[in-house]
Amino acid sequence: MTDKDRALIARMLDFSRRIQRRISSVSLDKFLTDIDLQDMILYAVGHVGENANLVSDDTKEAHSDILWHAVIGIRNRVFIPMPTLT
């Protein structure tokens, strides 16, 4: 594993821990009504996926037990382009 991959994975873990810490005591009702909290969580989830996308193929193959495509895919669902206003 390269130093770059280690740094990317460290960022993924950092964002994941932030998510866990922030929502561990939040009810579903609170989450669904707190737009700022939703934005923060989606931002962090998107960055987990973005960093996963940048991990080298060699590292992904060496750690094939991780569902890399799913982690990256969540980023694609979170960072959906906004429709153009006409």
PDB file of N, CA and C in Angstrom:
ATOM      1  N   MET A   1       0.852  -1.175   0.000  1.00  0.00           N
ATOM      2  CA  MET A   1       0.000   0.000   0.000  1.00  0.00           C
ATOM      3  C   MET A   1       0.898   1.238   0.000  1.00  0.00           C
ATOM      4  N   THR A   2       0.549   2.162  -0.847  1.00  0.00           N
ATOM      5  CA  THR A   2       1.343   3.384  -0.954  1.00  0.00           C
ATOM      6  C   THR A   2       0.988   4.359   0.171  1.00  0.00           C
ATOM      7  N   ASP A   3       1.869   5.320   0.366  1.00  0.00           N
ATOM      8  CA  ASP A   3       1.591   6.370   1.359  1.00  0.00           C
ATOM      9  C   ASP A   3       0.331   7.140   0.987  1.00  0.00           C
ATOM     10  N   LYS A   4       0.131   7.357  -0.313  1.00  0.00           N
ATOM     11  CA  LYS A   4      -1.076   8.071  -0.762  1.00  0.00           C
ATOM     12  C   LYS A   4      -2.327   7.281  -0.375  1.00  0.00           C
ATOM     13  N   ASP A   5      -2.299   5.968  -0.596  1.00  0.00           N
ATOM     14  CA  ASP A   5      -3.459   5.140  -0.234  1.00  0.00           C
ATOM     15  C   ASP A   5      -3.699   5.165   1.274  1.00  0.00           C
ATOM     16  N   ARG A   6      -2.627   5.111   2.039  1.00  0.00           N
ATOM     17  CA  ARG A   6      -2.767   5.190   3.503  1.00  0.00           C
ATOM     18  C   ARG A   6      -3.435   6.507   3.916  1.00  0.00           C
ATOM     19  N   ALA A   7      -3.020   7.589   3.292  1.00  0.00           N
ATOM     20  CA  ALA A   7      -3.611   8.903   3.603  1.00  0.00           C
ATOM     21  C   ALA A   7      -5.079   8.944   3.198  1.00  0.00           C
ATOM     22  N   LEU A   8      -5.408   8.396   2.054  1.00  0.00           N
ATOM     23  CA  LEU A   8      -6.805   8.369   1.600  1.00  0.00           C
ATOM     24  C   LEU A   8      -7.673   7.553   2.551  1.00  0.00           C
ATOM     25  N   ILE A   9      -7.164   6.400   2.957  1.00  0.00           N
ATOM     26  CA  ILE A   9      -7.921   5.545   3.872  1.00  0.00           C
ATOM     27  C   ILE A   9      -8.038   6.204   5.243  1.00  0.00           C
ATOM     28  N   ALA A  10      -6.998   6.908   5.673  1.00  0.00           N
ATOM     29  CA  ALA A  10      -7.079   7.641   6.943  1.00  0.00           C
ATOM     30  C   ALA A  10      -8.164   8.705   6.878  1.00  0.00           C
ATOM     31  N   ARG A  11      -8.272   9.393   5.741  1.00  0.00           N
ATOM     32  CA  ARG A  11      -9.338  10.398   5.581  1.00  0.00           C
ATOM     33  C   ARG A  11     -10.707   9.739   5.603  1.00  0.00           C
ATOM     34  N   MET A  12     -10.832   8.576   4.940  1.00  0.00           N
ATOM     35  CA  MET A  12     -12.104   7.853   4.944  1.00  0.00           C
ATOM     36  C   MET A  12     -12.507   7.503   6.372  1.00  0.00           C
ATOM     37  N   LEU A  13     -11.554   7.016   7.149  1.00  0.00           N
ATOM     38  CA  LEU A  13     -11.838   6.669   8.542  1.00  0.00           C
ATOM     39  C   LEU A  13     -12.195   7.898   9.367  1.00  0.00           C
ATOM     40  N   ASP A  14     -11.511   8.997   9.128  1.00  0.00           N
ATOM     41  CA  ASP A  14     -11.801  10.228   9.856  1.00  0.00           C
ATOM     42  C   ASP A  14     -13.227  10.701   9.573  1.00  0.00           C
ATOM     43  N   PHE A  15     -13.599  10.744   8.293  1.00  0.00           N
ATOM     44  CA  PHE A  15     -14.967  11.157   7.955  1.00  0.00           C
ATOM     45  C   PHE A  15     -15.992  10.178   8.528  1.00  0.00           C
ATOM     46  N   SER A  16     -15.684   8.888   8.487  1.00  0.00           N
ATOM     47  CA  SER A  16     -16.609   7.885   9.027  1.00  0.00           C
ATOM     48  C   SER A  16     -16.796   8.055  10.526  1.00  0.00           C
ATOM     49  N   ARG A  17     -15.719   8.342  11.218  1.00  0.00           N
ATOM     50  CA  ARG A  17     -15.806   8.565  12.670  1.00  0.00           C
ATOM     51  C   ARG A  17     -16.595   9.836  12.983  1.00  0.00           C
ATOM     52  N   ARG A  18     -16.414  10.848  12.169  1.00  0.00           N
ATOM     53  CA  ARG A  18     -17.185  12.085  12.365  1.00  0.00           C
ATOM     54  C   ARG A  18     -18.680  11.807  12.218  1.00  0.00           C
ATOM     55  N   ILE A  19     -19.028  11.026  11.199  1.00  0.00           N
ATOM     56  CA  ILE A  19     -20.434  10.672  10.986  1.00  0.00           C
ATOM     57  C   ILE A  19     -20.962   9.927  12.203  1.00  0.00           C
ATOM     58  N   GLN A  20     -20.228   8.908  12.607  1.00  0.00           N
ATOM     59  CA  GLN A  20     -20.667   8.096  13.741  1.00  0.00           C
ATOM     60  C   GLN A  20     -20.831   8.940  14.997  1.00  0.00           C
ATOM     61  N   ARG A  21     -19.848   9.785  15.270  1.00  0.00           N
ATOM     62  CA  ARG A  21     -19.890  10.627  16.470  1.00  0.00           C
ATOM     63  C   ARG A  21     -21.078  11.593  16.415  1.00  0.00           C
ATOM     64  N   ARG A  22     -21.343  12.135  15.240  1.00  0.00           N
ATOM     65  CA  ARG A  22     -22.393  13.151  15.124  1.00  0.00           C
ATOM     66  C   ARG A  22     -23.799  12.568  15.199  1.00  0.00           C
ATOM     67  N   ILE A  23     -23.997  11.355  14.681  1.00  0.00           N
ATOM     68  CA  ILE A  23     -25.361  10.824  14.641  1.00  0.00           C
ATOM     69  C   ILE A  23     -25.647   9.766  15.701  1.00  0.00           C
ATOM     70  N   SER A  24     -24.657   9.408  16.497  1.00  0.00           N
ATOM     71  CA  SER A  24     -24.851   8.322  17.464  1.00  0.00           C
ATOM     72  C   SER A  24     -25.976   8.594  18.460  1.00  0.00           C
ATOM     73  N   SER A  25     -26.230   9.841  18.761  1.00  0.00           N
ATOM     74  CA  SER A  25     -27.282  10.155  19.737  1.00  0.00           C
ATOM     75  C   SER A  25     -28.457  10.906  19.125  1.00  0.00           C
ATOM     76  N   VAL A  26     -28.563  10.867  17.794  1.00  0.00           N
ATOM     77  CA  VAL A  26     -29.619  11.608  17.103  1.00  0.00           C
ATOM     78  C   VAL A  26     -30.727  10.648  16.693  1.00  0.00           C
ATOM     79  N   SER A  27     -31.957  11.000  17.008  1.00  0.00           N
ATOM     80  CA  SER A  27     -33.091  10.172  16.597  1.00  0.00           C
ATOM     81  C   SER A  27     -33.346  10.349  15.099  1.00  0.00           C
ATOM     82  N   LEU A  28     -34.043   9.406  14.524  1.00  0.00           N
ATOM     83  CA  LEU A  28     -34.396   9.497  13.108  1.00  0.00           C
ATOM     84  C   LEU A  28     -35.248  10.741  12.860  1.00  0.00           C
ATOM     85  N   ASP A  29     -36.191  11.026  13.743  1.00  0.00           N
ATOM     86  CA  ASP A  29     -37.028  12.220  13.581  1.00  0.00           C
ATOM     87  C   ASP A  29     -36.189  13.492  13.568  1.00  0.00           C
ATOM     88  N   LYS A  30     -35.220  13.575  14.466  1.00  0.00           N
ATOM     89  CA  LYS A  30     -34.338  14.748  14.516  1.00  0.00           C
ATOM     90  C   LYS A  30     -33.543  14.854  13.216  1.00  0.00           C
ATOM     91  N   PHE A  31     -32.990  13.730  12.765  1.00  0.00           N
ATOM     92  CA  PHE A  31     -32.217  13.731  11.528  1.00  0.00           C
ATOM     93  C   PHE A  31     -33.075  14.197  10.354  1.00  0.00           C
ATOM     94  N   LEU A  32     -34.297  13.696  10.269  1.00  0.00           N
ATOM     95  CA  LEU A  32     -35.164  14.019   9.135  1.00  0.00           C
ATOM     96  C   LEU A  32     -35.626  15.469   9.122  1.00  0.00           C
ATOM     97  N   THR A  33     -35.558  16.133  10.259  1.00  0.00           N
ATOM     98  CA  THR A  33     -36.006  17.525  10.321  1.00  0.00           C
ATOM     99  C   THR A  33     -34.866  18.530  10.394  1.00  0.00           C
ATOM    100  N   ASP A  34     -33.637  18.058  10.535  1.00  0.00           N
ATOM    101  CA  ASP A  34     -32.489  18.953  10.679  1.00  0.00           C
ATOM    102  C   ASP A  34     -31.694  18.993   9.371  1.00  0.00           C
ATOM    103  N   ILE A  35     -31.996  19.975   8.545  1.00  0.00           N
ATOM    104  CA  ILE A  35     -31.357  20.096   7.226  1.00  0.00           C
ATOM    105  C   ILE A  35     -29.852  20.292   7.357  1.00  0.00           C
ATOM    106  N   ASP A  36     -29.413  21.052   8.328  1.00  0.00           N
ATOM    107  CA  ASP A  36     -27.978  21.269   8.519  1.00  0.00           C
ATOM    108  C   ASP A  36     -27.261  19.958   8.850  1.00  0.00           C
ATOM    109  N   LEU A  37     -27.866  19.148   9.699  1.00  0.00           N
ATOM    110  CA  LEU A  37     -27.286  17.857  10.037  1.00  0.00           C
ATOM    111  C   LEU A  37     -27.241  16.958   8.800  1.00  0.00           C
ATOM    112  N   GLN A  38     -28.300  16.947   8.032  1.00  0.00           N
ATOM    113  CA  GLN A  38     -28.319  16.155   6.803  1.00  0.00           C
ATOM    114  C   GLN A  38     -27.207  16.592   5.853  1.00  0.00           C
ATOM    115  N   ASP A  39     -27.055  17.888   5.699  1.00  0.00           N
ATOM    116  CA  ASP A  39     -25.998  18.405   4.822  1.00  0.00           C
ATOM    117  C   ASP A  39     -24.619  17.953   5.297  1.00  0.00           C
ATOM    118  N   MET A  40     -24.385  18.032   6.601  1.00  0.00           N
ATOM    119  CA  MET A  40     -23.089  17.638   7.140  1.00  0.00           C
ATOM    120  C   MET A  40     -22.818  16.153   6.906  1.00  0.00           C
ATOM    121  N   ILE A  41     -23.826  15.333   7.149  1.00  0.00           N
ATOM    122  CA  ILE A  41     -23.660  13.885   6.970  1.00  0.00           C
ATOM    123  C   ILE A  41     -23.441  13.555   5.497  1.00  0.00           C
ATOM    124  N   LEU A  42     -24.223  14.150   4.614  1.00  0.00           N
ATOM    125  CA  LEU A  42     -24.063  13.882   3.184  1.00  0.00           C
ATOM    126  C   LEU A  42     -22.701  14.343   2.681  1.00  0.00           C
ATOM    127  N   TYR A  43     -22.235  15.462   3.184  1.00  0.00           N
ATOM    128  CA  TYR A  43     -20.897  15.953   2.823  1.00  0.00           C
ATOM    129  C   TYR A  43     -19.837  14.923   3.214  1.00  0.00           C
ATOM    130  N   ALA A  44     -19.921  14.435   4.440  1.00  0.00           N
ATOM    131  CA  ALA A  44     -18.935  13.470   4.923  1.00  0.00           C
ATOM    132  C   ALA A  44     -19.030  12.148   4.171  1.00  0.00           C
ATOM    133  N   VAL A  45     -20.237  11.661   3.936  1.00  0.00           N
ATOM    134  CA  VAL A  45     -20.426  10.415   3.188  1.00  0.00           C
ATOM    135  C   VAL A  45     -19.860  10.561   1.780  1.00  0.00           C
ATOM    136  N   GLY A  46     -20.123  11.693   1.154  1.00  0.00           N
ATOM    137  CA  GLY A  46     -19.583  11.937  -0.179  1.00  0.00           C
ATOM    138  C   GLY A  46     -18.072  11.905  -0.207  1.00  0.00           C
ATOM    139  N   HIS A  47     -17.457  12.447   0.820  1.00  0.00           N
ATOM    140  CA  HIS A  47     -15.997  12.463   0.870  1.00  0.00           C
ATOM    141  C   HIS A  47     -15.409  11.080   1.160  1.00  0.00           C
ATOM    142  N   VAL A  48     -16.125  10.260   1.900  1.00  0.00           N
ATOM    143  CA  VAL A  48     -15.673   8.876   2.068  1.00  0.00           C
ATOM    144  C   VAL A  48     -15.617   8.210   0.696  1.00  0.00           C
ATOM    145  N   GLY A  49     -16.684   8.366  -0.080  1.00  0.00           N
ATOM    146  CA  GLY A  49     -16.717   7.766  -1.416  1.00  0.00           C
ATOM    147  C   GLY A  49     -15.694   8.352  -2.360  1.00  0.00           C
ATOM    148  N   GLU A  50     -15.489   9.644  -2.294  1.00  0.00           N
ATOM    149  CA  GLU A  50     -14.513  10.294  -3.172  1.00  0.00           C
ATOM    150  C   GLU A  50     -13.099   9.803  -2.867  1.00  0.00           C
ATOM    151  N   ASN A  51     -12.761   9.691  -1.593  1.00  0.00           N
ATOM    152  CA  ASN A  51     -11.440   9.177  -1.231  1.00  0.00           C
ATOM    153  C   ASN A  51     -11.294   7.717  -1.629  1.00  0.00           C
ATOM    154  N   ALA A  52     -12.356   6.930  -1.480  1.00  0.00           N
ATOM    155  CA  ALA A  52     -12.313   5.522  -1.906  1.00  0.00           C
ATOM    156  C   ALA A  52     -12.059   5.426  -3.403  1.00  0.00           C
ATOM    157  N   ASN A  53     -12.634   6.318  -4.158  1.00  0.00           N
ATOM    158  CA  ASN A  53     -12.448   6.321  -5.611  1.00  0.00           C
ATOM    159  C   ASN A  53     -10.990   6.574  -5.992  1.00  0.00           C
ATOM    160  N   LEU A  54     -10.262   7.296  -5.161  1.00  0.00           N
ATOM    161  CA  LEU A  54      -8.878   7.653  -5.460  1.00  0.00           C
ATOM    162  C   LEU A  54      -7.866   6.601  -4.999  1.00  0.00           C
ATOM    163  N   VAL A  55      -8.312   5.614  -4.220  1.00  0.00           N
ATOM    164  CA  VAL A  55      -7.416   4.543  -3.782  1.00  0.00           C
ATOM    165  C   VAL A  55      -6.983   3.738  -5.008  1.00  0.00           C
ATOM    166  N   SER A  56      -5.723   3.347  -5.032  1.00  0.00           N
ATOM    167  CA  SER A  56      -5.176   2.644  -6.195  1.00  0.00           C
ATOM    168  C   SER A  56      -5.852   1.280  -6.395  1.00  0.00           C
ATOM    169  N   ASP A  57      -5.860   0.831  -7.638  1.00  0.00           N
ATOM    170  CA  ASP A  57      -6.414  -0.481  -7.963  1.00  0.00           C
ATOM    171  C   ASP A  57      -5.672  -1.591  -7.229  1.00  0.00           C
ATOM    172  N   ASP A  58      -4.365  -1.440  -7.075  1.00  0.00           N
ATOM    173  CA  ASP A  58      -3.577  -2.462  -6.363  1.00  0.00           C
ATOM    174  C   ASP A  58      -4.062  -2.628  -4.927  1.00  0.00           C
ATOM    175  N   THR A  59      -4.312  -1.524  -4.259  1.00  0.00           N
ATOM    176  CA  THR A  59      -4.789  -1.596  -2.873  1.00  0.00           C
ATOM    177  C   THR A  59      -6.202  -2.154  -2.831  1.00  0.00           C
ATOM    178  N   LYS A  60      -7.033  -1.745  -3.775  1.00  0.00           N
ATOM    179  CA  LYS A  60      -8.401  -2.286  -3.819  1.00  0.00           C
ATOM    180  C   LYS A  60      -8.373  -3.793  -4.035  1.00  0.00           C
ATOM    181  N   GLU A  61      -7.496  -4.271  -4.907  1.00  0.00           N
ATOM    182  CA  GLU A  61      -7.385  -5.708  -5.156  1.00  0.00           C
ATOM    183  C   GLU A  61      -6.827  -6.440  -3.933  1.00  0.00           C
ATOM    184  N   ALA A  62      -5.880  -5.833  -3.242  1.00  0.00           N
ATOM    185  CA  ALA A  62      -5.300  -6.445  -2.049  1.00  0.00           C
ATOM    186  C   ALA A  62      -6.308  -6.531  -0.905  1.00  0.00           C
ATOM    187  N   HIS A  63      -7.309  -5.662  -0.941  1.00  0.00           N
ATOM    188  CA  HIS A  63      -8.351  -5.628   0.095  1.00  0.00           C
ATOM    189  C   HIS A  63      -9.714  -5.817  -0.564  1.00  0.00           C
ATOM    190  N   SER A  64      -9.828  -6.915  -1.286  1.00  0.00           N
ATOM    191  CA  SER A  64     -11.046  -7.181  -2.059  1.00  0.00           C
ATOM    192  C   SER A  64     -12.251  -7.510  -1.178  1.00  0.00           C
ATOM    193  N   ASP A  65     -12.034  -7.709   0.120  1.00  0.00           N
ATOM    194  CA  ASP A  65     -13.147  -7.939   1.039  1.00  0.00           C
ATOM    195  C   ASP A  65     -13.950  -6.666   1.277  1.00  0.00           C
ATOM    196  N   ILE A  66     -13.383  -5.525   0.942  1.00  0.00           N
ATOM    197  CA  ILE A  66     -14.094  -4.239   1.035  1.00  0.00           C
ATOM    198  C   ILE A  66     -14.883  -4.045  -0.247  1.00  0.00           C
ATOM    199  N   LEU A  67     -16.125  -3.667  -0.116  1.00  0.00           N
ATOM    200  CA  LEU A  67     -16.989  -3.437  -1.282  1.00  0.00           C
ATOM    201  C   LEU A  67     -16.738  -2.032  -1.828  1.00  0.00           C
ATOM    202  N   TRP A  68     -15.586  -1.874  -2.465  1.00  0.00           N
ATOM    203  CA  TRP A  68     -15.163  -0.562  -2.952  1.00  0.00           C
ATOM    204  C   TRP A  68     -16.208   0.066  -3.848  1.00  0.00           C
ATOM    205  N   HIS A  69     -16.792  -0.731  -4.758  1.00  0.00           N
ATOM    206  CA  HIS A  69     -17.772  -0.169  -5.689  1.00  0.00           C
ATOM    207  C   HIS A  69     -18.993   0.383  -4.948  1.00  0.00           C
ATOM    208  N   ALA A  70     -19.350  -0.224  -3.830  1.00  0.00           N
ATOM    209  CA  ALA A  70     -20.480   0.279  -3.043  1.00  0.00           C
ATOM    210  C   ALA A  70     -20.122   1.578  -2.331  1.00  0.00           C
ATOM    211  N   VAL A  71     -18.916   1.638  -1.787  1.00  0.00           N
ATOM    212  CA  VAL A  71     -18.466   2.855  -1.100  1.00  0.00           C
ATOM    213  C   VAL A  71     -18.383   4.013  -2.091  1.00  0.00           C
ATOM    214  N   ILE A  72     -17.828   3.729  -3.259  1.00  0.00           N
ATOM    215  CA  ILE A  72     -17.728   4.764  -4.300  1.00  0.00           C
ATOM    216  C   ILE A  72     -19.118   5.116  -4.820  1.00  0.00           C
ATOM    217  N   GLY A  73     -19.969   4.127  -4.959  1.00  0.00           N
ATOM    218  CA  GLY A  73     -21.316   4.350  -5.482  1.00  0.00           C
ATOM    219  C   GLY A  73     -22.146   5.275  -4.617  1.00  0.00           C
ATOM    220  N   ILE A  74     -21.947   5.210  -3.309  1.00  0.00           N
ATOM    221  CA  ILE A  74     -22.714   6.104  -2.434  1.00  0.00           C
ATOM    222  C   ILE A  74     -22.360   7.554  -2.713  1.00  0.00           C
ATOM    223  N   ARG A  75     -21.100   7.794  -3.048  1.00  0.00           N
ATOM    224  CA  ARG A  75     -20.689   9.158  -3.408  1.00  0.00           C
ATOM    225  C   ARG A  75     -21.470   9.636  -4.634  1.00  0.00           C
ATOM    226  N   ASN A  76     -21.636   8.736  -5.586  1.00  0.00           N
ATOM    227  CA  ASN A  76     -22.358   9.101  -6.796  1.00  0.00           C
ATOM    228  C   ASN A  76     -23.828   9.400  -6.526  1.00  0.00           C
ATOM    229  N   ARG A  77     -24.377   8.805  -5.500  1.00  0.00           N
ATOM    230  CA  ARG A  77     -25.777   9.078  -5.140  1.00  0.00           C
ATOM    231  C   ARG A  77     -25.911  10.354  -4.309  1.00  0.00           C
ATOM    232  N   VAL A  78     -24.893  10.651  -3.515  1.00  0.00           N
ATOM    233  CA  VAL A  78     -24.932  11.833  -2.652  1.00  0.00           C
ATOM    234  C   VAL A  78     -24.637  13.101  -3.444  1.00  0.00           C
ATOM    235  N   PHE A  79     -23.635  13.047  -4.306  1.00  0.00           N
ATOM    236  CA  PHE A  79     -23.236  14.222  -5.079  1.00  0.00           C
ATOM    237  C   PHE A  79     -23.936  14.229  -6.424  1.00  0.00           C
ATOM    238  N   ILE A  80     -25.249  14.291  -6.388  1.00  0.00           N
ATOM    239  CA  ILE A  80     -26.042  14.315  -7.613  1.00  0.00           C
ATOM    240  C   ILE A  80     -26.063  15.745  -8.136  1.00  0.00           C
ATOM    241  N   PRO A  81     -25.753  15.920  -9.426  1.00  0.00           N
ATOM    242  CA  PRO A  81     -25.804  17.283  -9.966  1.00  0.00           C
ATOM    243  C   PRO A  81     -27.221  17.855  -9.879  1.00  0.00           C
ATOM    244  N   MET A  82     -27.284  19.115  -9.556  1.00  0.00           N
ATOM    245  CA  MET A  82     -28.582  19.790  -9.492  1.00  0.00           C
ATOM    246  C   MET A  82     -29.095  20.043 -10.904  1.00  0.00           C
ATOM    247  N   PRO A  83     -30.401  19.914 -11.104  1.00  0.00           N
ATOM    248  CA  PRO A  83     -30.942  20.183 -12.444  1.00  0.00           C
ATOM    249  C   PRO A  83     -30.769  21.658 -12.810  1.00  0.00           C
ATOM    250  N   THR A  84     -30.603  21.905 -14.077  1.00  0.00           N
ATOM    251  CA  THR A  84     -30.471  23.271 -14.573  1.00  0.00           C
ATOM    252  C   THR A  84     -31.836  23.958 -14.501  1.00  0.00           C
ATOM    253  N   LEU A  85     -31.817  25.150 -13.977  1.00  0.00           N
ATOM    254  CA  LEU A  85     -33.051  25.937 -13.915  1.00  0.00           C
ATOM    255  C   LEU A  85     -33.224  26.673 -15.240  1.00  0.00           C
ATOM    256  N   THR A  86     -34.418  26.597 -15.769  1.00  0.00           N
ATOM    257  CA  THR A  86     -34.669  27.303 -17.026  1.00  0.00           C
ATOM    258  C   THR A  86     -35.773  28.296 -16.880  1.00  0.00           C
TER     259      THR A  86
END
